[in-house]
């Protein structure tokens, strides 16, 4: 009788063990509010937070109506300015954090010279997509 109990317990364990594992990752919820200033399009984080590192970067894809999309991979919020071709990405954040949270701002300016002094908001029709862990978490078209 003990042997039968051990065999049945082992069979039940093997059946269930395939279903036991790590919990599925929760979807990322990030509230974003876009605004336009004279020299940039700003994205204010209104709720939620995401950790940014080299293993979990925030990927920003800027797709103009014509031309090649620009992809910006942000691995840190401590980097104040990142020029990428015609686009200048600036993160306004508390120094030393490795995450974006409510109150932080990502500013994207368009510049034909590659300098922030001559930047303007992203052109109309341009789509900006934020991707995190393979999921699109925010999409905006100017």
N, C-alpha and C. Protein backbone atom coordinates (compact mmCIF):
# COMPACT_ATOMS: atom_id res chain seq x y z
N UNK A 1 0.82 -1.19 0.00
CA UNK A 1 0.00 0.00 0.00
C UNK A 1 0.87 1.27 0.00
N UNK A 2 1.97 1.24 0.74
CA UNK A 2 2.90 2.37 0.76
C UNK A 2 3.51 2.58 -0.62
N UNK A 3 3.86 1.47 -1.28
CA UNK A 3 4.46 1.57 -2.62
C UNK A 3 3.48 2.20 -3.60
N UNK A 4 2.22 1.82 -3.54
CA UNK A 4 1.21 2.38 -4.43
C UNK A 4 1.05 3.88 -4.17
N UNK A 5 1.06 4.29 -2.92
CA UNK A 5 0.94 5.70 -2.56
C UNK A 5 2.12 6.50 -3.10
N UNK A 6 3.32 5.95 -2.98
CA UNK A 6 4.53 6.63 -3.49
C UNK A 6 4.46 6.76 -5.00
N UNK A 7 4.03 5.71 -5.70
CA UNK A 7 3.93 5.75 -7.16
C UNK A 7 2.87 6.77 -7.60
N UNK A 8 1.73 6.77 -6.95
CA UNK A 8 0.68 7.73 -7.30
C UNK A 8 1.13 9.17 -7.01
N UNK A 9 1.78 9.37 -5.87
CA UNK A 9 2.27 10.71 -5.55
C UNK A 9 3.30 11.18 -6.58
N UNK A 10 4.17 10.27 -7.02
CA UNK A 10 5.16 10.62 -8.04
C UNK A 10 4.49 10.96 -9.36
N UNK A 11 3.47 10.19 -9.75
CA UNK A 11 2.77 10.46 -11.00
C UNK A 11 2.06 11.80 -10.96
N UNK A 12 1.41 12.10 -9.84
CA UNK A 12 0.74 13.39 -9.69
C UNK A 12 1.76 14.53 -9.75
N UNK A 13 2.89 14.35 -9.09
CA UNK A 13 3.94 15.38 -9.10
C UNK A 13 4.42 15.64 -10.53
N UNK A 14 4.68 14.57 -11.29
CA UNK A 14 5.16 14.74 -12.66
C UNK A 14 4.13 15.44 -13.55
N UNK A 15 2.86 15.14 -13.34
CA UNK A 15 1.82 15.80 -14.14
C UNK A 15 1.74 17.29 -13.81
N UNK A 16 1.82 17.63 -12.54
CA UNK A 16 1.64 19.01 -12.10
C UNK A 16 2.90 19.84 -12.28
N UNK A 17 4.06 19.19 -12.22
CA UNK A 17 5.32 19.95 -12.27
C UNK A 17 5.48 20.73 -13.57
N UNK A 18 4.87 20.28 -14.65
CA UNK A 18 4.93 21.03 -15.89
C UNK A 18 4.15 22.33 -15.83
N UNK A 19 3.22 22.40 -14.89
CA UNK A 19 2.40 23.59 -14.75
C UNK A 19 2.92 24.55 -13.69
N UNK A 20 3.87 24.09 -12.93
CA UNK A 20 4.43 24.94 -11.88
C UNK A 20 5.67 25.61 -12.45
N UNK A 21 5.75 26.88 -12.33
CA UNK A 21 6.91 27.61 -12.83
C UNK A 21 6.83 29.04 -12.35
N UNK A 22 7.62 29.86 -12.96
CA UNK A 22 7.60 31.26 -12.57
C UNK A 22 6.31 31.91 -13.06
N UNK A 23 5.88 32.89 -12.34
CA UNK A 23 4.66 33.60 -12.71
C UNK A 23 4.90 34.35 -14.01
N UNK A 24 3.90 34.47 -14.85
CA UNK A 24 4.08 35.23 -16.09
C UNK A 24 4.35 36.70 -15.77
N UNK A 25 5.14 37.32 -16.63
CA UNK A 25 5.47 38.72 -16.39
C UNK A 25 4.22 39.57 -16.54
N UNK A 26 4.11 40.56 -15.66
CA UNK A 26 2.95 41.45 -15.70
C UNK A 26 3.12 42.43 -16.85
N UNK A 27 2.04 42.79 -17.51
CA UNK A 27 2.16 43.80 -18.56
C UNK A 27 2.59 45.14 -17.95
N UNK A 28 3.34 45.88 -18.72
CA UNK A 28 3.83 47.16 -18.24
C UNK A 28 2.78 48.22 -18.52
N UNK A 29 2.45 48.98 -17.50
CA UNK A 29 1.51 50.08 -17.65
C UNK A 29 2.26 51.37 -17.35
N UNK A 30 2.32 52.24 -18.32
CA UNK A 30 3.02 53.50 -18.17
C UNK A 30 2.13 54.59 -18.72
N UNK A 31 1.71 55.51 -17.87
CA UNK A 31 0.89 56.63 -18.32
C UNK A 31 1.79 57.72 -18.88
N UNK A 32 1.48 58.20 -20.07
CA UNK A 32 2.31 59.21 -20.73
C UNK A 32 1.40 60.31 -21.25
N UNK A 33 1.84 61.56 -21.06
CA UNK A 33 1.09 62.70 -21.56
C UNK A 33 2.01 63.55 -22.44
N UNK A 34 1.75 63.57 -23.77
CA UNK A 34 2.61 64.35 -24.66
C UNK A 34 2.23 65.83 -24.69
N UNK A 35 3.23 66.69 -24.81
CA UNK A 35 3.04 68.12 -25.01
C UNK A 35 4.07 68.61 -26.01
N UNK A 36 3.80 69.74 -26.60
CA UNK A 36 4.72 70.32 -27.57
C UNK A 36 5.20 71.67 -27.07
N UNK A 37 6.52 71.85 -27.09
CA UNK A 37 7.10 73.14 -26.75
C UNK A 37 7.70 73.73 -28.03
N UNK A 38 8.32 74.86 -27.93
CA UNK A 38 8.88 75.49 -29.13
C UNK A 38 10.06 74.72 -29.70
N UNK A 39 10.75 73.91 -28.88
CA UNK A 39 11.92 73.21 -29.40
C UNK A 39 11.90 71.70 -29.19
N UNK A 40 10.77 71.12 -28.78
CA UNK A 40 10.74 69.67 -28.59
C UNK A 40 9.30 69.17 -28.41
N UNK A 41 9.17 67.87 -28.55
CA UNK A 41 7.94 67.18 -28.16
C UNK A 41 8.29 66.47 -26.86
N UNK A 42 7.53 66.75 -25.81
CA UNK A 42 7.85 66.18 -24.50
C UNK A 42 6.82 65.14 -24.11
N UNK A 43 7.31 64.07 -23.47
CA UNK A 43 6.46 62.98 -23.01
C UNK A 43 6.62 62.90 -21.49
N UNK A 44 5.61 63.40 -20.76
CA UNK A 44 5.62 63.38 -19.31
C UNK A 44 5.08 62.04 -18.83
N UNK A 45 5.85 61.36 -17.98
CA UNK A 45 5.39 60.11 -17.38
C UNK A 45 4.43 60.50 -16.26
N UNK A 46 3.16 60.08 -16.38
CA UNK A 46 2.14 60.48 -15.41
C UNK A 46 1.86 59.38 -14.38
N UNK A 47 2.14 58.12 -14.74
CA UNK A 47 1.91 57.03 -13.79
C UNK A 47 2.73 55.82 -14.20
N UNK A 48 2.96 54.93 -13.23
CA UNK A 48 3.73 53.72 -13.48
C UNK A 48 5.21 53.99 -13.40
N UNK A 49 6.01 52.94 -13.55
CA UNK A 49 7.45 53.10 -13.63
C UNK A 49 8.05 51.89 -14.33
N UNK A 50 9.20 52.10 -14.97
CA UNK A 50 9.93 51.01 -15.61
C UNK A 50 11.40 51.15 -15.27
N UNK A 51 12.03 50.03 -15.02
CA UNK A 51 13.45 49.99 -14.73
C UNK A 51 14.20 49.92 -16.06
N UNK A 52 15.23 50.75 -16.20
CA UNK A 52 15.98 50.78 -17.45
C UNK A 52 17.42 50.36 -17.18
N UNK A 53 17.90 49.38 -17.95
CA UNK A 53 19.28 48.92 -17.84
C UNK A 53 19.70 48.37 -19.19
N UNK A 54 20.94 47.88 -19.26
CA UNK A 54 21.39 47.32 -20.53
C UNK A 54 20.63 46.04 -20.88
N UNK A 55 20.13 45.32 -19.86
CA UNK A 55 19.36 44.11 -20.15
C UNK A 55 17.88 44.40 -20.37
N UNK A 56 17.39 45.54 -19.88
CA UNK A 56 15.99 45.93 -20.09
C UNK A 56 15.94 47.39 -20.54
N UNK A 57 16.36 47.66 -21.78
CA UNK A 57 16.37 49.04 -22.26
C UNK A 57 14.97 49.51 -22.66
N UNK A 58 14.81 50.82 -22.71
CA UNK A 58 13.62 51.41 -23.31
C UNK A 58 14.02 51.75 -24.74
N UNK A 59 13.29 51.20 -25.70
CA UNK A 59 13.61 51.44 -27.11
C UNK A 59 12.59 52.43 -27.65
N UNK A 60 13.10 53.55 -28.16
CA UNK A 60 12.24 54.58 -28.74
C UNK A 60 12.48 54.57 -30.25
N UNK A 61 11.41 54.32 -31.00
CA UNK A 61 11.50 54.33 -32.45
C UNK A 61 10.77 55.57 -32.96
N UNK A 62 11.48 56.38 -33.73
CA UNK A 62 10.94 57.61 -34.29
C UNK A 62 10.80 57.39 -35.80
N UNK A 63 9.55 57.33 -36.27
CA UNK A 63 9.27 57.00 -37.67
C UNK A 63 8.67 58.20 -38.37
N UNK A 64 9.47 58.89 -39.21
CA UNK A 64 8.93 60.02 -39.96
C UNK A 64 8.02 59.54 -41.08
N UNK A 65 7.23 60.46 -41.65
CA UNK A 65 6.33 60.09 -42.74
C UNK A 65 7.12 59.64 -43.96
N UNK A 66 8.30 60.18 -44.14
CA UNK A 66 9.19 59.72 -45.22
C UNK A 66 10.60 59.61 -44.65
N UNK A 67 11.33 58.67 -45.14
CA UNK A 67 12.69 58.48 -44.64
C UNK A 67 12.78 57.26 -43.74
N UNK A 68 13.97 57.04 -43.22
CA UNK A 68 14.26 55.87 -42.40
C UNK A 68 13.94 56.13 -40.94
N UNK A 69 13.28 55.18 -40.27
CA UNK A 69 13.04 55.35 -38.83
C UNK A 69 14.35 55.39 -38.05
N UNK A 70 14.36 56.13 -36.96
CA UNK A 70 15.49 56.21 -36.06
C UNK A 70 15.14 55.43 -34.80
N UNK A 71 16.05 54.54 -34.38
CA UNK A 71 15.82 53.78 -33.17
C UNK A 71 16.82 54.23 -32.11
N UNK A 72 16.31 54.58 -30.95
CA UNK A 72 17.12 55.03 -29.82
C UNK A 72 16.96 53.99 -28.72
N UNK A 73 18.06 53.42 -28.26
CA UNK A 73 18.02 52.44 -27.18
C UNK A 73 18.56 53.10 -25.92
N UNK A 74 17.67 53.31 -24.95
CA UNK A 74 18.08 53.96 -23.70
C UNK A 74 18.32 52.89 -22.64
N UNK A 75 19.55 52.85 -22.13
CA UNK A 75 19.91 51.87 -21.11
C UNK A 75 20.10 52.52 -19.75
N UNK A 76 19.93 53.84 -19.69
CA UNK A 76 20.12 54.56 -18.44
C UNK A 76 19.33 55.85 -18.48
N UNK A 77 18.82 56.27 -17.34
CA UNK A 77 18.15 57.56 -17.29
C UNK A 77 19.12 58.64 -16.82
N UNK A 78 20.35 58.25 -16.51
CA UNK A 78 21.34 59.22 -16.06
C UNK A 78 21.97 59.97 -17.23
N UNK A 79 21.82 59.44 -18.45
CA UNK A 79 22.38 60.10 -19.62
C UNK A 79 21.50 61.28 -20.00
N UNK A 80 21.99 62.52 -19.86
CA UNK A 80 21.12 63.66 -20.08
C UNK A 80 20.77 63.93 -21.54
N UNK A 81 21.70 63.74 -22.47
CA UNK A 81 21.42 64.07 -23.87
C UNK A 81 21.98 62.97 -24.75
N UNK A 82 21.19 62.53 -25.71
CA UNK A 82 21.62 61.51 -26.66
C UNK A 82 21.30 61.97 -28.07
N UNK A 83 22.28 62.50 -28.81
CA UNK A 83 21.99 62.87 -30.20
C UNK A 83 21.99 61.64 -31.10
N UNK A 84 20.94 61.45 -31.87
CA UNK A 84 20.83 60.34 -32.79
C UNK A 84 20.43 60.88 -34.14
N UNK A 85 21.39 61.15 -34.99
CA UNK A 85 21.09 61.69 -36.31
C UNK A 85 20.42 63.04 -36.17
N UNK A 86 19.22 63.16 -36.73
CA UNK A 86 18.50 64.42 -36.69
C UNK A 86 17.69 64.61 -35.41
N UNK A 87 17.65 63.58 -34.55
CA UNK A 87 16.83 63.66 -33.34
C UNK A 87 17.71 63.77 -32.10
N UNK A 88 17.27 64.58 -31.19
CA UNK A 88 17.97 64.77 -29.93
C UNK A 88 17.01 64.32 -28.84
N UNK A 89 17.41 63.34 -28.06
CA UNK A 89 16.57 62.81 -27.00
C UNK A 89 17.18 63.23 -25.67
N UNK A 90 16.39 63.91 -24.87
CA UNK A 90 16.84 64.36 -23.56
C UNK A 90 15.88 63.78 -22.52
N UNK A 91 16.44 63.22 -21.47
CA UNK A 91 15.61 62.71 -20.38
C UNK A 91 15.78 63.64 -19.19
N UNK A 92 14.68 64.18 -18.69
CA UNK A 92 14.71 64.97 -17.47
C UNK A 92 14.29 64.04 -16.35
N UNK A 93 15.21 63.71 -15.48
CA UNK A 93 14.95 62.72 -14.45
C UNK A 93 15.78 63.04 -13.22
N UNK A 94 15.42 62.43 -12.12
CA UNK A 94 16.21 62.59 -10.91
C UNK A 94 17.52 61.84 -11.09
N UNK A 95 18.65 62.50 -10.90
CA UNK A 95 19.95 61.88 -11.09
C UNK A 95 20.11 60.68 -10.17
N UNK A 96 20.68 59.62 -10.70
CA UNK A 96 20.97 58.45 -9.90
C UNK A 96 19.91 57.37 -9.95
N UNK A 97 18.73 57.68 -10.50
CA UNK A 97 17.70 56.65 -10.62
C UNK A 97 18.01 55.76 -11.82
N UNK A 98 17.58 54.52 -11.76
CA UNK A 98 17.72 53.65 -12.92
C UNK A 98 16.34 53.25 -13.44
N UNK A 99 15.37 54.12 -13.20
CA UNK A 99 14.02 53.84 -13.68
C UNK A 99 13.33 55.15 -14.04
N UNK A 100 12.33 55.03 -14.89
CA UNK A 100 11.46 56.16 -15.22
C UNK A 100 10.21 56.02 -14.38
N UNK A 101 9.75 57.13 -13.82
CA UNK A 101 8.56 57.10 -12.98
C UNK A 101 7.79 58.40 -13.18
N UNK A 102 6.62 58.47 -12.54
CA UNK A 102 5.78 59.66 -12.63
C UNK A 102 6.60 60.90 -12.31
N UNK A 103 6.47 61.93 -13.14
CA UNK A 103 7.20 63.18 -12.98
C UNK A 103 8.39 63.30 -13.90
N UNK A 104 8.88 62.20 -14.45
CA UNK A 104 10.01 62.25 -15.38
C UNK A 104 9.51 62.63 -16.77
N UNK A 105 10.39 63.21 -17.56
CA UNK A 105 10.03 63.65 -18.90
C UNK A 105 11.08 63.18 -19.90
N UNK A 106 10.60 62.67 -21.04
CA UNK A 106 11.47 62.37 -22.17
C UNK A 106 11.16 63.42 -23.22
N UNK A 107 12.17 64.15 -23.62
CA UNK A 107 11.99 65.23 -24.58
C UNK A 107 12.68 64.83 -25.89
N UNK A 108 11.95 64.93 -26.99
CA UNK A 108 12.51 64.59 -28.30
C UNK A 108 12.41 65.82 -29.20
N UNK A 109 13.56 66.28 -29.63
CA UNK A 109 13.62 67.42 -30.53
C UNK A 109 14.16 67.01 -31.89
N UNK A 110 13.76 67.71 -32.92
CA UNK A 110 14.22 67.45 -34.28
C UNK A 110 15.16 68.58 -34.67
N UNK A 111 16.34 68.21 -35.17
CA UNK A 111 17.33 69.22 -35.53
C UNK A 111 18.05 68.80 -36.80
N UNK A 112 18.13 69.70 -37.76
CA UNK A 112 18.87 69.38 -38.98
C UNK A 112 20.38 69.48 -38.76
N UNK A 113 20.80 70.16 -37.69
CA UNK A 113 22.23 70.30 -37.41
C UNK A 113 22.71 69.34 -36.32
N UNK A 114 21.78 68.63 -35.65
CA UNK A 114 22.18 67.69 -34.61
C UNK A 114 22.50 68.34 -33.28
N UNK A 115 22.12 69.61 -33.12
CA UNK A 115 22.36 70.29 -31.85
C UNK A 115 21.03 70.72 -31.25
N UNK A 116 20.97 70.72 -29.92
CA UNK A 116 19.70 71.04 -29.27
C UNK A 116 19.33 72.51 -29.41
N UNK A 117 20.30 73.37 -29.68
CA UNK A 117 20.01 74.80 -29.83
C UNK A 117 19.14 75.11 -31.02
N UNK A 118 19.17 74.25 -32.04
CA UNK A 118 18.36 74.51 -33.24
C UNK A 118 17.21 73.50 -33.35
N UNK A 119 16.86 72.86 -32.25
CA UNK A 119 15.83 71.82 -32.30
C UNK A 119 14.43 72.40 -32.35
N UNK A 120 13.51 71.59 -32.90
CA UNK A 120 12.09 71.94 -32.95
C UNK A 120 11.30 70.68 -32.61
N UNK A 121 9.98 70.80 -32.42
CA UNK A 121 9.18 69.59 -32.15
C UNK A 121 9.27 68.62 -33.31
N UNK A 122 8.95 67.35 -33.05
CA UNK A 122 9.00 66.38 -34.14
C UNK A 122 7.98 66.77 -35.21
N UNK A 123 8.32 66.55 -36.47
CA UNK A 123 7.44 66.98 -37.57
C UNK A 123 6.08 66.27 -37.54
N UNK A 124 5.03 66.94 -38.04
CA UNK A 124 3.70 66.32 -38.11
C UNK A 124 3.75 65.02 -38.90
N UNK A 125 2.98 64.03 -38.44
CA UNK A 125 2.94 62.73 -39.10
C UNK A 125 3.99 61.76 -38.58
N UNK A 126 4.95 62.24 -37.80
CA UNK A 126 5.98 61.38 -37.24
C UNK A 126 5.38 60.56 -36.10
N UNK A 127 5.68 59.27 -36.09
CA UNK A 127 5.20 58.39 -35.03
C UNK A 127 6.35 58.04 -34.09
N UNK A 128 6.09 58.13 -32.80
CA UNK A 128 7.07 57.77 -31.77
C UNK A 128 6.50 56.57 -31.03
N UNK A 129 7.29 55.50 -30.95
CA UNK A 129 6.86 54.28 -30.28
C UNK A 129 7.84 53.94 -29.17
N UNK A 130 7.33 53.70 -27.96
CA UNK A 130 8.14 53.26 -26.83
C UNK A 130 7.94 51.76 -26.69
N UNK A 131 9.03 50.99 -26.73
CA UNK A 131 8.97 49.54 -26.58
C UNK A 131 9.81 49.14 -25.39
N UNK A 132 9.25 48.25 -24.55
CA UNK A 132 9.94 47.79 -23.35
C UNK A 132 9.70 46.29 -23.19
N UNK A 133 10.75 45.53 -23.06
CA UNK A 133 10.66 44.06 -22.94
C UNK A 133 9.88 43.44 -24.10
N UNK A 134 10.05 43.99 -25.29
CA UNK A 134 9.39 43.44 -26.47
C UNK A 134 7.94 43.87 -26.64
N UNK A 135 7.42 44.68 -25.72
CA UNK A 135 6.03 45.12 -25.80
C UNK A 135 5.96 46.61 -26.06
N UNK A 136 5.09 47.01 -26.97
CA UNK A 136 4.85 48.43 -27.20
C UNK A 136 4.06 48.95 -26.02
N UNK A 137 4.65 49.92 -25.29
CA UNK A 137 3.95 50.43 -24.11
C UNK A 137 3.34 51.82 -24.34
N UNK A 138 3.76 52.47 -25.44
CA UNK A 138 3.16 53.77 -25.76
C UNK A 138 3.46 54.09 -27.22
N UNK A 139 2.47 54.65 -27.91
CA UNK A 139 2.64 55.06 -29.31
C UNK A 139 1.97 56.40 -29.50
N UNK A 140 2.66 57.30 -30.20
CA UNK A 140 2.15 58.67 -30.40
C UNK A 140 2.46 59.10 -31.82
N UNK A 141 1.50 59.73 -32.47
CA UNK A 141 1.73 60.32 -33.80
C UNK A 141 1.50 61.81 -33.71
N UNK A 142 2.51 62.57 -34.11
CA UNK A 142 2.44 64.05 -34.04
C UNK A 142 1.46 64.58 -35.05
